[in-house]
Amino acid sequence: MSIVIEPKTDHESYLVNGKEVYKNSYNHWFSPVELTTQERKAFELYKRTDRK
């Protein structure tokens, strides 16, 4: 399964396979729709290697 991660709002919001992920008021990444394990791991790797 391929995973597509698209920036939505200047390093504050992303789409992971069409599921929105954003920083909440506690500065933690949150998605109102549950990500699969593979999507979560891919997003964590993406954020570690993301060079703003």
PDB file of N, CA and C in Angstrom:
ATOM      1  N   MET A   1       0.843  -1.181   0.000  1.00  0.00           N
ATOM      2  CA  MET A   1       0.000   0.000   0.000  1.00  0.00           C
ATOM      3  C   MET A   1       0.883   1.237   0.000  1.00  0.00           C
ATOM      4  N   SER A   2       0.630   2.139  -0.930  1.00  0.00           N
ATOM      5  CA  SER A   2       1.405   3.379  -0.957  1.00  0.00           C
ATOM      6  C   SER A   2       0.749   4.402  -0.041  1.00  0.00           C
ATOM      7  N   ILE A   3       1.584   5.245   0.526  1.00  0.00           N
ATOM      8  CA  ILE A   3       1.112   6.273   1.440  1.00  0.00           C
ATOM      9  C   ILE A   3       1.514   7.627   0.865  1.00  0.00           C
ATOM     10  N   VAL A   4       0.524   8.501   0.719  1.00  0.00           N
ATOM     11  CA  VAL A   4       0.756   9.829   0.158  1.00  0.00           C
ATOM     12  C   VAL A   4       0.604  10.848   1.278  1.00  0.00           C
ATOM     13  N   ILE A   5       1.663  11.647   1.480  1.00  0.00           N
ATOM     14  CA  ILE A   5       1.648  12.700   2.499  1.00  0.00           C
ATOM     15  C   ILE A   5       1.788  14.032   1.775  1.00  0.00           C
ATOM     16  N   GLU A   6       0.792  14.896   1.958  1.00  0.00           N
ATOM     17  CA  GLU A   6       0.786  16.196   1.294  1.00  0.00           C
ATOM     18  C   GLU A   6       0.705  17.313   2.332  1.00  0.00           C
ATOM     19  N   PRO A   7       1.614  18.283   2.258  1.00  0.00           N
ATOM     20  CA  PRO A   7       1.487  19.450   3.139  1.00  0.00           C
ATOM     21  C   PRO A   7       0.211  20.195   2.796  1.00  0.00           C
ATOM     22  N   LYS A   8      -0.508  20.621   3.812  1.00  0.00           N
ATOM     23  CA  LYS A   8      -1.751  21.359   3.588  1.00  0.00           C
ATOM     24  C   LYS A   8      -1.580  22.810   4.022  1.00  0.00           C
ATOM     25  N   THR A   9      -1.062  23.024   5.223  1.00  0.00           N
ATOM     26  CA  THR A   9      -0.871  24.376   5.753  1.00  0.00           C
ATOM     27  C   THR A   9       0.518  24.470   6.376  1.00  0.00           C
ATOM     28  N   ASP A  10       1.394  25.225   5.755  1.00  0.00           N
ATOM     29  CA  ASP A  10       2.740  25.549   6.228  1.00  0.00           C
ATOM     30  C   ASP A  10       3.232  24.787   7.464  1.00  0.00           C
ATOM     31  N   HIS A  11       3.497  23.521   7.331  1.00  0.00           N
ATOM     32  CA  HIS A  11       4.059  22.651   8.378  1.00  0.00           C
ATOM     33  C   HIS A  11       3.183  22.555   9.630  1.00  0.00           C
ATOM     34  N   GLU A  12       1.915  22.895   9.512  1.00  0.00           N
ATOM     35  CA  GLU A  12       0.991  22.796  10.644  1.00  0.00           C
ATOM     36  C   GLU A  12      -0.121  21.796  10.378  1.00  0.00           C
ATOM     37  N   SER A  13      -0.322  21.440   9.106  1.00  0.00           N
ATOM     38  CA  SER A  13      -1.413  20.544   8.737  1.00  0.00           C
ATOM     39  C   SER A  13      -1.002  19.750   7.500  1.00  0.00           C
ATOM     40  N   TYR A  14      -1.334  18.470   7.494  1.00  0.00           N
ATOM     41  CA  TYR A  14      -0.978  17.583   6.390  1.00  0.00           C
ATOM     42  C   TYR A  14      -2.159  16.679   6.066  1.00  0.00           C
ATOM     43  N   LEU A  15      -2.135  16.106   4.856  1.00  0.00           N
ATOM     44  CA  LEU A  15      -3.065  15.058   4.487  1.00  0.00           C
ATOM     45  C   LEU A  15      -2.256  13.781   4.324  1.00  0.00           C
ATOM     46  N   VAL A  16      -2.646  12.748   5.042  1.00  0.00           N
ATOM     47  CA  VAL A  16      -2.015  11.435   4.942  1.00  0.00           C
ATOM     48  C   VAL A  16      -3.062  10.510   4.337  1.00  0.00           C
ATOM     49  N   ASN A  17      -2.870  10.156   3.064  1.00  0.00           N
ATOM     50  CA  ASN A  17      -3.876   9.373   2.336  1.00  0.00           C
ATOM     51  C   ASN A  17      -5.263  10.003   2.457  1.00  0.00           C
ATOM     52  N   GLY A  18      -5.307  11.332   2.400  1.00  0.00           N
ATOM     53  CA  GLY A  18      -6.576  12.045   2.453  1.00  0.00           C
ATOM     54  C   GLY A  18      -7.121  12.288   3.852  1.00  0.00           C
ATOM     55  N   LYS A  19      -6.412  11.825   4.887  1.00  0.00           N
ATOM     56  CA  LYS A  19      -6.841  12.027   6.278  1.00  0.00           C
ATOM     57  C   LYS A  19      -6.057  13.199   6.856  1.00  0.00           C
ATOM     58  N   GLU A  20      -6.774  14.186   7.385  1.00  0.00           N
ATOM     59  CA  GLU A  20      -6.108  15.380   7.910  1.00  0.00           C
ATOM     60  C   GLU A  20      -5.376  15.077   9.214  1.00  0.00           C
ATOM     61  N   VAL A  21      -4.148  15.590   9.306  1.00  0.00           N
ATOM     62  CA  VAL A  21      -3.336  15.506  10.526  1.00  0.00           C
ATOM     63  C   VAL A  21      -2.872  16.928  10.819  1.00  0.00           C
ATOM     64  N   TYR A  22      -3.076  17.380  12.051  1.00  0.00           N
ATOM     65  CA  TYR A  22      -2.700  18.754  12.385  1.00  0.00           C
ATOM     66  C   TYR A  22      -2.226  18.827  13.833  1.00  0.00           C
ATOM     67  N   LYS A  23      -1.567  19.940  14.158  1.00  0.00           N
ATOM     68  CA  LYS A  23      -1.121  20.171  15.538  1.00  0.00           C
ATOM     69  C   LYS A  23      -2.294  20.699  16.339  1.00  0.00           C
ATOM     70  N   ASN A  24      -2.541  20.081  17.502  1.00  0.00           N
ATOM     71  CA  ASN A  24      -3.629  20.563  18.355  1.00  0.00           C
ATOM     72  C   ASN A  24      -3.108  21.681  19.273  1.00  0.00           C
ATOM     73  N   SER A  25      -3.941  22.135  20.179  1.00  0.00           N
ATOM     74  CA  SER A  25      -3.564  23.255  21.051  1.00  0.00           C
ATOM     75  C   SER A  25      -2.426  22.904  22.015  1.00  0.00           C
ATOM     76  N   TYR A  26      -2.126  21.613  22.178  1.00  0.00           N
ATOM     77  CA  TYR A  26      -1.008  21.178  23.024  1.00  0.00           C
ATOM     78  C   TYR A  26       0.250  20.936  22.203  1.00  0.00           C
ATOM     79  N   ASN A  27       0.201  21.323  20.918  1.00  0.00           N
ATOM     80  CA  ASN A  27       1.322  21.175  19.996  1.00  0.00           C
ATOM     81  C   ASN A  27       1.650  19.710  19.698  1.00  0.00           C
ATOM     82  N   HIS A  28       0.650  18.839  19.792  1.00  0.00           N
ATOM     83  CA  HIS A  28       0.793  17.427  19.446  1.00  0.00           C
ATOM     84  C   HIS A  28       0.075  17.168  18.132  1.00  0.00           C
ATOM     85  N   TRP A  29       0.599  16.215  17.354  1.00  0.00           N
ATOM     86  CA  TRP A  29      -0.055  15.865  16.093  1.00  0.00           C
ATOM     87  C   TRP A  29      -1.307  15.062  16.374  1.00  0.00           C
ATOM     88  N   PHE A  30      -2.400  15.408  15.679  1.00  0.00           N
ATOM     89  CA  PHE A  30      -3.707  14.799  15.914  1.00  0.00           C
ATOM     90  C   PHE A  30      -4.426  14.578  14.589  1.00  0.00           C
ATOM     91  N   SER A  31      -5.147  13.475  14.506  1.00  0.00           N
ATOM     92  CA  SER A  31      -6.002  13.212  13.356  1.00  0.00           C
ATOM     93  C   SER A  31      -7.368  12.780  13.866  1.00  0.00           C
ATOM     94  N   PRO A  32      -8.426  13.458  13.429  1.00  0.00           N
ATOM     95  CA  PRO A  32      -9.770  13.066  13.870  1.00  0.00           C
ATOM     96  C   PRO A  32     -10.178  11.694  13.319  1.00  0.00           C
ATOM     97  N   VAL A  33      -9.511  11.256  12.255  1.00  0.00           N
ATOM     98  CA  VAL A  33      -9.755   9.937  11.685  1.00  0.00           C
ATOM     99  C   VAL A  33      -8.525   9.081  11.993  1.00  0.00           C
ATOM    100  N   GLU A  34      -8.739   7.894  12.510  1.00  0.00           N
ATOM    101  CA  GLU A  34      -7.626   7.035  12.915  1.00  0.00           C
ATOM    102  C   GLU A  34      -6.750   6.661  11.722  1.00  0.00           C
ATOM    103  N   LEU A  35      -5.437   6.824  11.895  1.00  0.00           N
ATOM    104  CA  LEU A  35      -4.474   6.420  10.876  1.00  0.00           C
ATOM    105  C   LEU A  35      -4.126   4.948  11.082  1.00  0.00           C
ATOM    106  N   THR A  36      -3.815   4.263   9.985  1.00  0.00           N
ATOM    107  CA  THR A  36      -3.337   2.886  10.119  1.00  0.00           C
ATOM    108  C   THR A  36      -1.932   2.938  10.715  1.00  0.00           C
ATOM    109  N   THR A  37      -1.450   1.821  11.168  1.00  0.00           N
ATOM    110  CA  THR A  37      -0.091   1.752  11.718  1.00  0.00           C
ATOM    111  C   THR A  37       0.924   2.203  10.677  1.00  0.00           C
ATOM    112  N   GLN A  38       0.753   1.751   9.444  1.00  0.00           N
ATOM    113  CA  GLN A  38       1.684   2.126   8.374  1.00  0.00           C
ATOM    114  C   GLN A  38       1.629   3.630   8.097  1.00  0.00           C
ATOM    115  N   GLU A  39       0.436   4.210   8.095  1.00  0.00           N
ATOM    116  CA  GLU A  39       0.304   5.650   7.869  1.00  0.00           C
ATOM    117  C   GLU A  39       0.955   6.434   9.002  1.00  0.00           C
ATOM    118  N   ARG A  40       0.735   6.005  10.229  1.00  0.00           N
ATOM    119  CA  ARG A  40       1.323   6.703  11.378  1.00  0.00           C
ATOM    120  C   ARG A  40       2.847   6.650  11.322  1.00  0.00           C
ATOM    121  N   LYS A  41       3.406   5.476  11.039  1.00  0.00           N
ATOM    122  CA  LYS A  41       4.862   5.333  10.965  1.00  0.00           C
ATOM    123  C   LYS A  41       5.440   6.156   9.823  1.00  0.00           C
ATOM    124  N   ALA A  42       4.760   6.165   8.678  1.00  0.00           N
ATOM    125  CA  ALA A  42       5.237   6.950   7.544  1.00  0.00           C
ATOM    126  C   ALA A  42       5.210   8.441   7.870  1.00  0.00           C
ATOM    127  N   PHE A  43       4.155   8.899   8.557  1.00  0.00           N
ATOM    128  CA  PHE A  43       4.078  10.318   8.922  1.00  0.00           C
ATOM    129  C   PHE A  43       5.170  10.676   9.926  1.00  0.00           C
ATOM    130  N   GLU A  44       5.416   9.814  10.908  1.00  0.00           N
ATOM    131  CA  GLU A  44       6.480  10.082  11.881  1.00  0.00           C
ATOM    132  C   GLU A  44       7.837  10.179  11.193  1.00  0.00           C
ATOM    133  N   LEU A  45       8.094   9.285  10.247  1.00  0.00           N
ATOM    134  CA  LEU A  45       9.350   9.326   9.496  1.00  0.00           C
ATOM    135  C   LEU A  45       9.420  10.602   8.648  1.00  0.00           C
ATOM    136  N   TYR A  46       8.334  10.948   8.013  1.00  0.00           N
ATOM    137  CA  TYR A  46       8.267  12.164   7.204  1.00  0.00           C
ATOM    138  C   TYR A  46       8.590  13.394   8.051  1.00  0.00           C
ATOM    139  N   LYS A  47       7.999  13.495   9.232  1.00  0.00           N
ATOM    140  CA  LYS A  47       8.241  14.653  10.091  1.00  0.00           C
ATOM    141  C   LYS A  47       9.679  14.691  10.593  1.00  0.00           C
ATOM    142  N   ARG A  48      10.284  13.545  10.860  1.00  0.00           N
ATOM    143  CA  ARG A  48      11.692  13.527  11.301  1.00  0.00           C
ATOM    144  C   ARG A  48      12.627  13.996  10.206  1.00  0.00           C
ATOM    145  N   THR A  49      12.279  13.712   8.953  1.00  0.00           N
ATOM    146  CA  THR A  49      13.179  14.052   7.842  1.00  0.00           C
ATOM    147  C   THR A  49      12.753  15.337   7.142  1.00  0.00           C
ATOM    148  N   ASP A  50      11.645  15.940   7.538  1.00  0.00           N
ATOM    149  CA  ASP A  50      11.149  17.173   6.929  1.00  0.00           C
ATOM    150  C   ASP A  50      12.079  18.324   7.269  1.00  0.00           C
ATOM    151  N   ARG A  51      12.594  18.965   6.237  1.00  0.00           N
ATOM    152  CA  ARG A  51      13.477  20.124   6.428  1.00  0.00           C
ATOM    153  C   ARG A  51      12.722  21.380   6.049  1.00  0.00           C
ATOM    154  N   LYS A  52      12.226  22.097   7.033  1.00  0.00           N
ATOM    155  CA  LYS A  52      11.382  23.286   6.810  1.00  0.00           C
ATOM    156  C   LYS A  52      12.059  24.311   5.955  1.00  0.00           C
TER     157      LYS A  52
END
